[in-house]
Structures are given as C-alpha cells and as structure tokens.
Amino acid sequence: MNHTAFFGDGEHVFALTDDMIAELERITDLGIGAIYLRAVNMQFALIDLVEIIRLAMIGGGASPEHAMRLTDAYGRNRPIAELYPLAMDILDARWGDAPKANTEEATA
C-alpha cells in the first residue's frame, strides 16, 4: 500500500490511506474507482495529480503543512510528465499492483 519515491527535496513515503482516499473523493467529487480510471485513461485534471501526491504524503506520515509546502514548490507549474508517473505509482500501490518479487530470488 505504500510507495517510496523521490519528490522535491528527497525520498518520501506515499500512502493513500482510507482517510486520504475519502478526502480525495471529496475534493474531486468522484469515487476512487473513477479517479483511478480517469488517471489511467489520461482524462485527469491537473489538480488530481497534485492532490493525489499531497494526500499520499500526508498518509505516508508527512504533516499537512509539509505536504502542502512540497506540492506547492514541486507539484505546481511543473511538467505533467514529472507528476503523472508518481501519481500513478501511488494509485497502483494502493490498488494492489505493487511490483512483485522475482520468483527466483524469493525461492533462494
């Protein structure tokens, strides 16, 4: 359910907890399934990406103030190509599509 990635000033843990999903649904006025499909189908609003990142930072343990500061500095007025992969990785981690361990390594 967690995703760790570099964003802004360093590595951060991102987690869309149930509470953060509820807030994302409230902000976007969409259910999580519709948010996910909208992102996958490249029909997202730019604010969707920023809010996914911000709320997942809070879910991962960042204070709301720190998450807002980082998304204001590094999530706004940036190329969409920088935001989209991170937002999708966060959604995929919660959706359950986290990378699987190598079978050979797992049996060793």
PDB file of N, CA and C in Angstrom:
ATOM      1  N   MET A   1       0.797  -1.191   0.000  1.00  0.00           N
ATOM      2  CA  MET A   1       0.000   0.000   0.000  1.00  0.00           C
ATOM      3  C   MET A   1       0.845   1.263   0.000  1.00  0.00           C
ATOM      4  N   ASN A   2       2.079   1.159   0.415  1.00  0.00           N
ATOM      5  CA  ASN A   2       2.960   2.322   0.432  1.00  0.00           C
ATOM      6  C   ASN A   2       3.824   2.361  -0.821  1.00  0.00           C
ATOM      7  N   HIS A   3       4.229   3.557  -1.159  1.00  0.00           N
ATOM      8  CA  HIS A   3       5.155   3.750  -2.274  1.00  0.00           C
ATOM      9  C   HIS A   3       6.192   4.751  -1.797  1.00  0.00           C
ATOM     10  N   THR A   4       7.457   4.449  -2.011  1.00  0.00           N
ATOM     11  CA  THR A   4       8.536   5.365  -1.648  1.00  0.00           C
ATOM     12  C   THR A   4       9.162   5.873  -2.931  1.00  0.00           C
ATOM     13  N   ALA A   5       9.330   7.200  -2.995  1.00  0.00           N
ATOM     14  CA  ALA A   5       9.891   7.810  -4.199  1.00  0.00           C
ATOM     15  C   ALA A   5      10.491   9.166  -3.852  1.00  0.00           C
ATOM     16  N   PHE A   6      11.349   9.640  -4.740  1.00  0.00           N
ATOM     17  CA  PHE A   6      11.899  10.983  -4.602  1.00  0.00           C
ATOM     18  C   PHE A   6      10.858  11.984  -5.057  1.00  0.00           C
ATOM     19  N   PHE A   7      10.655  13.016  -4.256  1.00  0.00           N
ATOM     20  CA  PHE A   7       9.780  14.124  -4.633  1.00  0.00           C
ATOM     21  C   PHE A   7      10.288  15.377  -3.947  1.00  0.00           C
ATOM     22  N   GLY A   8      10.624  16.369  -4.736  1.00  0.00           N
ATOM     23  CA  GLY A   8      11.020  17.663  -4.201  1.00  0.00           C
ATOM     24  C   GLY A   8      12.375  17.673  -3.550  1.00  0.00           C
ATOM     25  N   ASP A   9      12.420  17.386  -2.262  1.00  0.00           N
ATOM     26  CA  ASP A   9      13.658  17.525  -1.506  1.00  0.00           C
ATOM     27  C   ASP A   9      14.272  16.203  -1.075  1.00  0.00           C
ATOM     28  N   GLY A  10      13.666  15.078  -1.443  1.00  0.00           N
ATOM     29  CA  GLY A  10      14.220  13.792  -1.038  1.00  0.00           C
ATOM     30  C   GLY A  10      13.215  12.667  -1.175  1.00  0.00           C
ATOM     31  N   GLU A  11      13.576  11.529  -0.610  1.00  0.00           N
ATOM     32  CA  GLU A  11      12.714  10.352  -0.622  1.00  0.00           C
ATOM     33  C   GLU A  11      11.588  10.549   0.378  1.00  0.00           C
ATOM     34  N   HIS A  12      10.380  10.173  -0.038  1.00  0.00           N
ATOM     35  CA  HIS A  12       9.210  10.271   0.829  1.00  0.00           C
ATOM     36  C   HIS A  12       8.383   9.007   0.703  1.00  0.00           C
ATOM     37  N   VAL A  13       7.646   8.700   1.752  1.00  0.00           N
ATOM     38  CA  VAL A  13       6.697   7.595   1.741  1.00  0.00           C
ATOM     39  C   VAL A  13       5.333   8.174   1.371  1.00  0.00           C
ATOM     40  N   PHE A  14       4.672   7.539   0.418  1.00  0.00           N
ATOM     41  CA  PHE A  14       3.350   7.946  -0.043  1.00  0.00           C
ATOM     42  C   PHE A  14       2.387   6.809   0.241  1.00  0.00           C
ATOM     43  N   ALA A  15       1.247   7.126   0.853  1.00  0.00           N
ATOM     44  CA  ALA A  15       0.250   6.099   1.162  1.00  0.00           C
ATOM     45  C   ALA A  15      -1.137   6.716   1.092  1.00  0.00           C
ATOM     46  N   LEU A  16      -1.967   6.179   0.234  1.00  0.00           N
ATOM     47  CA  LEU A  16      -3.360   6.616   0.184  1.00  0.00           C
ATOM     48  C   LEU A  16      -4.155   5.788   1.191  1.00  0.00           C
ATOM     49  N   THR A  17      -4.192   6.274   2.409  1.00  0.00           N
ATOM     50  CA  THR A  17      -4.954   5.604   3.458  1.00  0.00           C
ATOM     51  C   THR A  17      -6.445   5.804   3.196  1.00  0.00           C
ATOM     52  N   ASP A  18      -7.263   5.090   3.916  1.00  0.00           N
ATOM     53  CA  ASP A  18      -8.714   5.240   3.752  1.00  0.00           C
ATOM     54  C   ASP A  18      -9.150   6.690   3.973  1.00  0.00           C
ATOM     55  N   ASP A  19      -8.598   7.332   5.006  1.00  0.00           N
ATOM     56  CA  ASP A  19      -8.960   8.724   5.275  1.00  0.00           C
ATOM     57  C   ASP A  19      -8.525   9.651   4.142  1.00  0.00           C
ATOM     58  N   MET A  20      -7.352   9.394   3.572  1.00  0.00           N
ATOM     59  CA  MET A  20      -6.866  10.246   2.485  1.00  0.00           C
ATOM     60  C   MET A  20      -7.662   9.985   1.201  1.00  0.00           C
ATOM     61  N   ILE A  21      -8.091   8.741   0.998  1.00  0.00           N
ATOM     62  CA  ILE A  21      -8.961   8.448  -0.151  1.00  0.00           C
ATOM     63  C   ILE A  21     -10.291   9.180   0.009  1.00  0.00           C
ATOM     64  N   ALA A  22     -10.846   9.171   1.218  1.00  0.00           N
ATOM     65  CA  ALA A  22     -12.106   9.880   1.454  1.00  0.00           C
ATOM     66  C   ALA A  22     -11.956  11.368   1.146  1.00  0.00           C
ATOM     67  N   GLU A  23     -10.832  11.949   1.527  1.00  0.00           N
ATOM     68  CA  GLU A  23     -10.598  13.369   1.235  1.00  0.00           C
ATOM     69  C   GLU A  23     -10.417  13.595  -0.261  1.00  0.00           C
ATOM     70  N   LEU A  24      -9.695  12.710  -0.934  1.00  0.00           N
ATOM     71  CA  LEU A  24      -9.517  12.817  -2.381  1.00  0.00           C
ATOM     72  C   LEU A  24     -10.862  12.709  -3.093  1.00  0.00           C
ATOM     73  N   GLU A  25     -11.707  11.791  -2.647  1.00  0.00           N
ATOM     74  CA  GLU A  25     -13.040  11.646  -3.228  1.00  0.00           C
ATOM     75  C   GLU A  25     -13.872  12.912  -3.002  1.00  0.00           C
ATOM     76  N   ARG A  26     -13.747  13.514  -1.819  1.00  0.00           N
ATOM     77  CA  ARG A  26     -14.481  14.744  -1.520  1.00  0.00           C
ATOM     78  C   ARG A  26     -14.008  15.891  -2.414  1.00  0.00           C
ATOM     79  N   ILE A  27     -12.692  16.021  -2.561  1.00  0.00           N
ATOM     80  CA  ILE A  27     -12.120  17.112  -3.362  1.00  0.00           C
ATOM     81  C   ILE A  27     -12.490  16.975  -4.832  1.00  0.00           C
ATOM     82  N   THR A  28     -12.418  15.750  -5.359  1.00  0.00           N
ATOM     83  CA  THR A  28     -12.661  15.532  -6.789  1.00  0.00           C
ATOM     84  C   THR A  28     -14.124  15.261  -7.102  1.00  0.00           C
ATOM     85  N   ASP A  29     -14.918  14.974  -6.083  1.00  0.00           N
ATOM     86  CA  ASP A  29     -16.326  14.613  -6.252  1.00  0.00           C
ATOM     87  C   ASP A  29     -16.475  13.348  -7.106  1.00  0.00           C
ATOM     88  N   LEU A  30     -15.505  12.439  -6.945  1.00  0.00           N
ATOM     89  CA  LEU A  30     -15.507  11.154  -7.646  1.00  0.00           C
ATOM     90  C   LEU A  30     -15.117  10.050  -6.666  1.00  0.00           C
ATOM     91  N   GLY A  31     -15.568   8.841  -6.939  1.00  0.00           N
ATOM     92  CA  GLY A  31     -15.124   7.688  -6.170  1.00  0.00           C
ATOM     93  C   GLY A  31     -13.715   7.287  -6.593  1.00  0.00           C
ATOM     94  N   ILE A  32     -13.054   6.509  -5.754  1.00  0.00           N
ATOM     95  CA  ILE A  32     -11.661   6.123  -6.037  1.00  0.00           C
ATOM     96  C   ILE A  32     -11.548   5.340  -7.339  1.00  0.00           C
ATOM     97  N   GLY A  33     -12.536   4.524  -7.663  1.00  0.00           N
ATOM     98  CA  GLY A  33     -12.501   3.787  -8.931  1.00  0.00           C
ATOM     99  C   GLY A  33     -12.532   4.730 -10.121  1.00  0.00           C
ATOM    100  N   ALA A  34     -13.377   5.744 -10.053  1.00  0.00           N
ATOM    101  CA  ALA A  34     -13.457   6.726 -11.140  1.00  0.00           C
ATOM    102  C   ALA A  34     -12.187   7.558 -11.225  1.00  0.00           C
ATOM    103  N   ILE A  35     -11.609   7.878 -10.078  1.00  0.00           N
ATOM    104  CA  ILE A  35     -10.343   8.629 -10.066  1.00  0.00           C
ATOM    105  C   ILE A  35      -9.255   7.807 -10.751  1.00  0.00           C
ATOM    106  N   TYR A  36      -9.189   6.530 -10.383  1.00  0.00           N
ATOM    107  CA  TYR A  36      -8.176   5.641 -10.968  1.00  0.00           C
ATOM    108  C   TYR A  36      -8.376   5.511 -12.476  1.00  0.00           C
ATOM    109  N   LEU A  37      -9.609   5.239 -12.893  1.00  0.00           N
ATOM    110  CA  LEU A  37      -9.878   5.103 -14.328  1.00  0.00           C
ATOM    111  C   LEU A  37      -9.588   6.394 -15.081  1.00  0.00           C
ATOM    112  N   ARG A  38      -9.929   7.513 -14.478  1.00  0.00           N
ATOM    113  CA  ARG A  38      -9.663   8.802 -15.107  1.00  0.00           C
ATOM    114  C   ARG A  38      -8.156   8.999 -15.302  1.00  0.00           C
ATOM    115  N   ALA A  39      -7.373   8.603 -14.313  1.00  0.00           N
ATOM    116  CA  ALA A  39      -5.917   8.737 -14.422  1.00  0.00           C
ATOM    117  C   ALA A  39      -5.349   7.778 -15.473  1.00  0.00           C
ATOM    118  N   VAL A  40      -5.774   6.521 -15.419  1.00  0.00           N
ATOM    119  CA  VAL A  40      -5.285   5.521 -16.375  1.00  0.00           C
ATOM    120  C   VAL A  40      -5.611   5.920 -17.812  1.00  0.00           C
ATOM    121  N   ASN A  41      -6.791   6.470 -18.014  1.00  0.00           N
ATOM    122  CA  ASN A  41      -7.242   6.832 -19.353  1.00  0.00           C
ATOM    123  C   ASN A  41      -6.807   8.233 -19.783  1.00  0.00           C
ATOM    124  N   MET A  42      -5.903   8.832 -19.011  1.00  0.00           N
ATOM    125  CA  MET A  42      -5.357  10.159 -19.328  1.00  0.00           C
ATOM    126  C   MET A  42      -6.463  11.212 -19.447  1.00  0.00           C
ATOM    127  N   GLN A  43      -7.483  11.106 -18.599  1.00  0.00           N
ATOM    128  CA  GLN A  43      -8.578  12.064 -18.587  1.00  0.00           C
ATOM    129  C   GLN A  43      -8.624  12.825 -17.265  1.00  0.00           C
ATOM    130  N   PHE A  44      -7.495  12.892 -16.604  1.00  0.00           N
ATOM    131  CA  PHE A  44      -7.391  13.541 -15.304  1.00  0.00           C
ATOM    132  C   PHE A  44      -7.334  15.059 -15.448  1.00  0.00           C
ATOM    133  N   ALA A  45      -7.680  15.725 -14.361  1.00  0.00           N
ATOM    134  CA  ALA A  45      -7.418  17.152 -14.241  1.00  0.00           C
ATOM    135  C   ALA A  45      -6.052  17.294 -13.580  1.00  0.00           C
ATOM    136  N   LEU A  46      -5.342  18.338 -13.890  1.00  0.00           N
ATOM    137  CA  LEU A  46      -4.012  18.544 -13.316  1.00  0.00           C
ATOM    138  C   LEU A  46      -4.063  18.530 -11.793  1.00  0.00           C
ATOM    139  N   ILE A  47      -5.077  19.147 -11.227  1.00  0.00           N
ATOM    140  CA  ILE A  47      -5.192  19.184  -9.767  1.00  0.00           C
ATOM    141  C   ILE A  47      -5.328  17.785  -9.179  1.00  0.00           C
ATOM    142  N   ASP A  48      -5.883  16.835  -9.947  1.00  0.00           N
ATOM    143  CA  ASP A  48      -5.977  15.448  -9.472  1.00  0.00           C
ATOM    144  C   ASP A  48      -4.592  14.919  -9.117  1.00  0.00           C
ATOM    145  N   LEU A  49      -3.635  15.142  -9.988  1.00  0.00           N
ATOM    146  CA  LEU A  49      -2.283  14.626  -9.768  1.00  0.00           C
ATOM    147  C   LEU A  49      -1.665  15.243  -8.525  1.00  0.00           C
ATOM    148  N   VAL A  50      -1.794  16.555  -8.408  1.00  0.00           N
ATOM    149  CA  VAL A  50      -1.213  17.260  -7.264  1.00  0.00           C
ATOM    150  C   VAL A  50      -1.856  16.786  -5.966  1.00  0.00           C
ATOM    151  N   GLU A  51      -3.169  16.620  -5.970  1.00  0.00           N
ATOM    152  CA  GLU A  51      -3.862  16.200  -4.750  1.00  0.00           C
ATOM    153  C   GLU A  51      -3.560  14.749  -4.392  1.00  0.00           C
ATOM    154  N   ILE A  52      -3.414  13.891  -5.372  1.00  0.00           N
ATOM    155  CA  ILE A  52      -3.020  12.501  -5.094  1.00  0.00           C
ATOM    156  C   ILE A  52      -1.674  12.500  -4.382  1.00  0.00           C
ATOM    157  N   ILE A  53      -0.722  13.261  -4.890  1.00  0.00           N
ATOM    158  CA  ILE A  53       0.610  13.324  -4.296  1.00  0.00           C
ATOM    159  C   ILE A  53       0.550  13.931  -2.891  1.00  0.00           C
ATOM    160  N   ARG A  54      -0.137  15.051  -2.743  1.00  0.00           N
ATOM    161  CA  ARG A  54      -0.211  15.737  -1.446  1.00  0.00           C
ATOM    162  C   ARG A  54      -0.858  14.853  -0.386  1.00  0.00           C
ATOM    163  N   LEU A  55      -2.008  14.295  -0.711  1.00  0.00           N
ATOM    164  CA  LEU A  55      -2.717  13.471   0.268  1.00  0.00           C
ATOM    165  C   LEU A  55      -1.961  12.187   0.591  1.00  0.00           C
ATOM    166  N   ALA A  56      -1.284  11.618  -0.394  1.00  0.00           N
ATOM    167  CA  ALA A  56      -0.491  10.407  -0.140  1.00  0.00           C
ATOM    168  C   ALA A  56       0.721  10.712   0.724  1.00  0.00           C
ATOM    169  N   MET A  57       1.275  11.918   0.605  1.00  0.00           N
ATOM    170  CA  MET A  57       2.373  12.307   1.503  1.00  0.00           C
ATOM    171  C   MET A  57       1.871  12.368   2.943  1.00  0.00           C
ATOM    172  N   ILE A  58       0.690  12.939   3.125  1.00  0.00           N
ATOM    173  CA  ILE A  58       0.099  13.010   4.469  1.00  0.00           C
ATOM    174  C   ILE A  58      -0.167  11.594   4.981  1.00  0.00           C
ATOM    175  N   GLY A  59      -0.741  10.746   4.140  1.00  0.00           N
ATOM    176  CA  GLY A  59      -0.986   9.352   4.516  1.00  0.00           C
ATOM    177  C   GLY A  59       0.293   8.600   4.833  1.00  0.00           C
ATOM    178  N   GLY A  60       1.393   9.025   4.211  1.00  0.00           N
ATOM    179  CA  GLY A  60       2.689   8.402   4.455  1.00  0.00           C
ATOM    180  C   GLY A  60       3.413   8.935   5.673  1.00  0.00           C
ATOM    181  N   GLY A  61       2.822   9.928   6.337  1.00  0.00           N
ATOM    182  CA  GLY A  61       3.410  10.416   7.587  1.00  0.00           C
ATOM    183  C   GLY A  61       3.849  11.869   7.598  1.00  0.00           C
ATOM    184  N   ALA A  62       3.807  12.556   6.462  1.00  0.00           N
ATOM    185  CA  ALA A  62       4.193  13.964   6.433  1.00  0.00           C
ATOM    186  C   ALA A  62       3.097  14.813   7.073  1.00  0.00           C
ATOM    187  N   SER A  63       3.484  15.917   7.669  1.00  0.00           N
ATOM    188  CA  SER A  63       2.475  16.831   8.204  1.00  0.00           C
ATOM    189  C   SER A  63       1.737  17.476   7.035  1.00  0.00           C
ATOM    190  N   PRO A  64       0.498  17.865   7.233  1.00  0.00           N
ATOM    191  CA  PRO A  64      -0.233  18.544   6.153  1.00  0.00           C
ATOM    192  C   PRO A  64       0.490  19.799   5.655  1.00  0.00           C
ATOM    193  N   GLU A  65       1.129  20.522   6.566  1.00  0.00           N
ATOM    194  CA  GLU A  65       1.852  21.733   6.182  1.00  0.00           C
ATOM    195  C   GLU A  65       3.048  21.405   5.290  1.00  0.00           C
ATOM    196  N   HIS A  66       3.795  20.364   5.661  1.00  0.00           N
ATOM    197  CA  HIS A  66       4.964  19.962   4.873  1.00  0.00           C
ATOM    198  C   HIS A  66       4.534  19.463   3.492  1.00  0.00           C
ATOM    199  N   ALA A  67       3.477  18.649   3.452  1.00  0.00           N
ATOM    200  CA  ALA A  67       2.981  18.131   2.172  1.00  0.00           C
ATOM    201  C   ALA A  67       2.519  19.278   1.276  1.00  0.00           C
ATOM    202  N   MET A  68       1.830  20.258   1.831  1.00  0.00           N
ATOM    203  CA  MET A  68       1.377  21.406   1.045  1.00  0.00           C
ATOM    204  C   MET A  68       2.570  22.223   0.544  1.00  0.00           C
ATOM    205  N   ARG A  69       3.535  22.430   1.409  1.00  0.00           N
ATOM    206  CA  ARG A  69       4.728  23.187   1.012  1.00  0.00           C
ATOM    207  C   ARG A  69       5.455  22.503  -0.149  1.00  0.00           C
ATOM    208  N   LEU A  70       5.615  21.196  -0.069  1.00  0.00           N
ATOM    209  CA  LEU A  70       6.316  20.468  -1.136  1.00  0.00           C
ATOM    210  C   LEU A  70       5.511  20.438  -2.431  1.00  0.00           C
ATOM    211  N   THR A  71       4.205  20.206  -2.340  1.00  0.00           N
ATOM    212  CA  THR A  71       3.423  20.187  -3.579  1.00  0.00           C
ATOM    213  C   THR A  71       3.300  21.585  -4.178  1.00  0.00           C
ATOM    214  N   ASP A  72       3.276  22.611  -3.345  1.00  0.00           N
ATOM    215  CA  ASP A  72       3.284  23.978  -3.882  1.00  0.00           C
ATOM    216  C   ASP A  72       4.591  24.265  -4.618  1.00  0.00           C
ATOM    217  N   ALA A  73       5.701  23.822  -4.042  1.00  0.00           N
ATOM    218  CA  ALA A  73       7.014  24.107  -4.635  1.00  0.00           C
ATOM    219  C   ALA A  73       7.356  23.192  -5.806  1.00  0.00           C
ATOM    220  N   TYR A  74       6.993  21.908  -5.716  1.00  0.00           N
ATOM    221  CA  TYR A  74       7.458  20.929  -6.700  1.00  0.00           C
ATOM    222  C   TYR A  74       6.342  20.252  -7.489  1.00  0.00           C
ATOM    223  N   GLY A  75       5.089  20.561  -7.180  1.00  0.00           N
ATOM    224  CA  GLY A  75       3.981  19.921  -7.872  1.00  0.00           C
ATOM    225  C   GLY A  75       3.173  20.861  -8.746  1.00  0.00           C
ATOM    226  N   ARG A  76       3.418  22.135  -8.610  1.00  0.00           N
ATOM    227  CA  ARG A  76       2.681  23.117  -9.408  1.00  0.00           C
ATOM    228  C   ARG A  76       3.640  23.765 -10.400  1.00  0.00           C
ATOM    229  N   ASN A  77       3.121  24.060 -11.568  1.00  0.00           N
ATOM    230  CA  ASN A  77       3.921  24.671 -12.629  1.00  0.00           C
ATOM    231  C   ASN A  77       5.132  23.819 -13.007  1.00  0.00           C
ATOM    232  N   ARG A  78       4.936  22.510 -12.957  1.00  0.00           N
ATOM    233  CA  ARG A  78       5.959  21.542 -13.354  1.00  0.00           C
ATOM    234  C   ARG A  78       5.403  20.749 -14.529  1.00  0.00           C
ATOM    235  N   PRO A  79       6.270  20.150 -15.311  1.00  0.00           N
ATOM    236  CA  PRO A  79       5.782  19.318 -16.418  1.00  0.00           C
ATOM    237  C   PRO A  79       4.904  18.171 -15.902  1.00  0.00           C
ATOM    238  N   ILE A  80       3.818  17.948 -16.586  1.00  0.00           N
ATOM    239  CA  ILE A  80       2.914  16.858 -16.212  1.00  0.00           C
ATOM    240  C   ILE A  80       3.655  15.529 -16.233  1.00  0.00           C
ATOM    241  N   ALA A  81       4.621  15.395 -17.124  1.00  0.00           N
ATOM    242  CA  ALA A  81       5.401  14.159 -17.225  1.00  0.00           C
ATOM    243  C   ALA A  81       6.182  13.865 -15.940  1.00  0.00           C
ATOM    244  N   GLU A  82       6.380  14.849 -15.081  1.00  0.00           N
ATOM    245  CA  GLU A  82       7.028  14.617 -13.786  1.00  0.00           C
ATOM    246  C   GLU A  82       6.021  14.149 -12.735  1.00  0.00           C
ATOM    247  N   LEU A  83       4.797  14.633 -12.837  1.00  0.00           N
ATOM    248  CA  LEU A  83       3.783  14.346 -11.827  1.00  0.00           C
ATOM    249  C   LEU A  83       3.025  13.049 -12.089  1.00  0.00           C
ATOM    250  N   TYR A  84       2.701  12.799 -13.343  1.00  0.00           N
ATOM    251  CA  TYR A  84       1.852  11.666 -13.695  1.00  0.00           C
ATOM    252  C   TYR A  84       2.427  10.320 -13.244  1.00  0.00           C
ATOM    253  N   PRO A  85       3.700  10.027 -13.516  1.00  0.00           N
ATOM    254  CA  PRO A  85       4.210   8.710 -13.089  1.00  0.00           C
ATOM    255  C   PRO A  85       4.142   8.518 -11.574  1.00  0.00           C
ATOM    256  N   LEU A  86       4.439   9.558 -10.818  1.00  0.00           N
ATOM    257  CA  LEU A  86       4.380   9.437  -9.363  1.00  0.00           C
ATOM    258  C   LEU A  86       2.941   9.218  -8.897  1.00  0.00           C
ATOM    259  N   ALA A  87       2.015   9.992  -9.428  1.00  0.00           N
ATOM    260  CA  ALA A  87       0.605   9.825  -9.051  1.00  0.00           C
ATOM    261  C   ALA A  87       0.118   8.421  -9.399  1.00  0.00           C
ATOM    262  N   MET A  88       0.495   7.912 -10.571  1.00  0.00           N
ATOM    263  CA  MET A  88       0.072   6.558 -10.963  1.00  0.00           C
ATOM    264  C   MET A  88       0.717   5.491 -10.076  1.00  0.00           C
ATOM    265  N   ASP A  89       1.983   5.675  -9.716  1.00  0.00           N
ATOM    266  CA  ASP A  89       2.637   4.716  -8.819  1.00  0.00           C
ATOM    267  C   ASP A  89       1.933   4.678  -7.460  1.00  0.00           C
ATOM    268  N   ILE A  90       1.516   5.847  -6.980  1.00  0.00           N
ATOM    269  CA  ILE A  90       0.790   5.924  -5.708  1.00  0.00           C
ATOM    270  C   ILE A  90      -0.546   5.198  -5.824  1.00  0.00           C
ATOM    271  N   LEU A  91      -1.289   5.483  -6.881  1.00  0.00           N
ATOM    272  CA  LEU A  91      -2.582   4.810  -7.082  1.00  0.00           C
ATOM    273  C   LEU A  91      -2.401   3.307  -7.249  1.00  0.00           C
ATOM    274  N   ASP A  92      -1.412   2.905  -8.042  1.00  0.00           N
ATOM    275  CA  ASP A  92      -1.172   1.481  -8.266  1.00  0.00           C
ATOM    276  C   ASP A  92      -0.784   0.765  -6.972  1.00  0.00           C
ATOM    277  N   ALA A  93      -0.003   1.419  -6.126  1.00  0.00           N
ATOM    278  CA  ALA A  93       0.389   0.801  -4.856  1.00  0.00           C
ATOM    279  C   ALA A  93      -0.838   0.521  -4.001  1.00  0.00           C
ATOM    280  N   ARG A  94      -1.772   1.440  -3.974  1.00  0.00           N
ATOM    281  CA  ARG A  94      -2.991   1.233  -3.184  1.00  0.00           C
ATOM    282  C   ARG A  94      -3.916   0.232  -3.863  1.00  0.00           C
ATOM    283  N   TRP A  95      -3.944   0.275  -5.184  1.00  0.00           N
ATOM    284  CA  TRP A  95      -4.814  -0.628  -5.933  1.00  0.00           C
ATOM    285  C   TRP A  95      -4.358  -2.070  -5.756  1.00  0.00           C
ATOM    286  N   GLY A  96      -3.093  -2.262  -5.416  1.00  0.00           N
ATOM    287  CA  GLY A  96      -2.575  -3.599  -5.195  1.00  0.00           C
ATOM    288  C   GLY A  96      -1.683  -4.088  -6.302  1.00  0.00           C
ATOM    289  N   ASP A  97      -1.267  -3.179  -7.170  1.00  0.00           N
ATOM    290  CA  ASP A  97      -0.441  -3.543  -8.315  1.00  0.00           C
ATOM    291  C   ASP A  97       1.030  -3.226  -8.052  1.00  0.00           C
ATOM    292  N   ALA A  98       1.455  -3.443  -6.810  1.00  0.00           N
ATOM    293  CA  ALA A  98       2.854  -3.190  -6.468  1.00  0.00           C
ATOM    294  C   ALA A  98       3.735  -4.206  -7.190  1.00  0.00           C
ATOM    295  N   PRO A  99       4.974  -3.844  -7.508  1.00  0.00           N
ATOM    296  CA  PRO A  99       5.875  -4.780  -8.188  1.00  0.00           C
ATOM    297  C   PRO A  99       6.036  -6.068  -7.400  1.00  0.00           C
ATOM    298  N   LYS A 100       6.053  -7.165  -8.083  1.00  0.00           N
ATOM    299  CA  LYS A 100       6.187  -8.474  -7.460  1.00  0.00           C
ATOM    300  C   LYS A 100       7.670  -8.837  -7.340  1.00  0.00           C
ATOM    301  N   ALA A 101       8.004  -9.583  -6.302  1.00  0.00           N
ATOM    302  CA  ALA A 101       9.385 -10.029  -6.108  1.00  0.00           C
ATOM    303  C   ALA A 101       9.746 -11.034  -7.194  1.00  0.00           C
ATOM    304  N   ASN A 102      11.000 -11.041  -7.571  1.00  0.00           N
ATOM    305  CA  ASN A 102      11.498 -12.000  -8.528  1.00  0.00           C
ATOM    306  C   ASN A 102      11.332 -13.406  -7.947  1.00  0.00           C
ATOM    307  N   THR A 103      10.705 -14.306  -8.682  1.00  0.00           N
ATOM    308  CA  THR A 103      10.412 -15.663  -8.193  1.00  0.00           C
ATOM    309  C   THR A 103      11.684 -16.404  -7.812  1.00  0.00           C
ATOM    310  N   GLU A 104      12.737 -16.265  -8.617  1.00  0.00           N
ATOM    311  CA  GLU A 104      13.990 -16.951  -8.314  1.00  0.00           C
ATOM    312  C   GLU A 104      14.588 -16.436  -7.019  1.00  0.00           C
ATOM    313  N   GLU A 105      14.541 -15.119  -6.799  1.00  0.00           N
ATOM    314  CA  GLU A 105      15.079 -14.554  -5.570  1.00  0.00           C
ATOM    315  C   GLU A 105      14.240 -14.962  -4.374  1.00  0.00           C
ATOM    316  N   ALA A 106      12.931 -15.056  -4.554  1.00  0.00           N
ATOM    317  CA  ALA A 106      12.044 -15.401  -3.457  1.00  0.00           C
ATOM    318  C   ALA A 106      12.257 -16.841  -2.997  1.00  0.00           C
ATOM    319  N   THR A 107      12.648 -17.734  -3.913  1.00  0.00           N
ATOM    320  CA  THR A 107      12.853 -19.138  -3.540  1.00  0.00           C
ATOM    321  C   THR A 107      14.266 -19.422  -3.090  1.00  0.00           C
ATOM    322  N   ALA A 108      15.172 -18.474  -3.244  1.00  0.00           N
ATOM    323  CA  ALA A 108      16.567 -18.699  -2.858  1.00  0.00           C
ATOM    324  C   ALA A 108      16.752 -18.655  -1.371  1.00  0.00           C
TER     325      ALA A 108
END
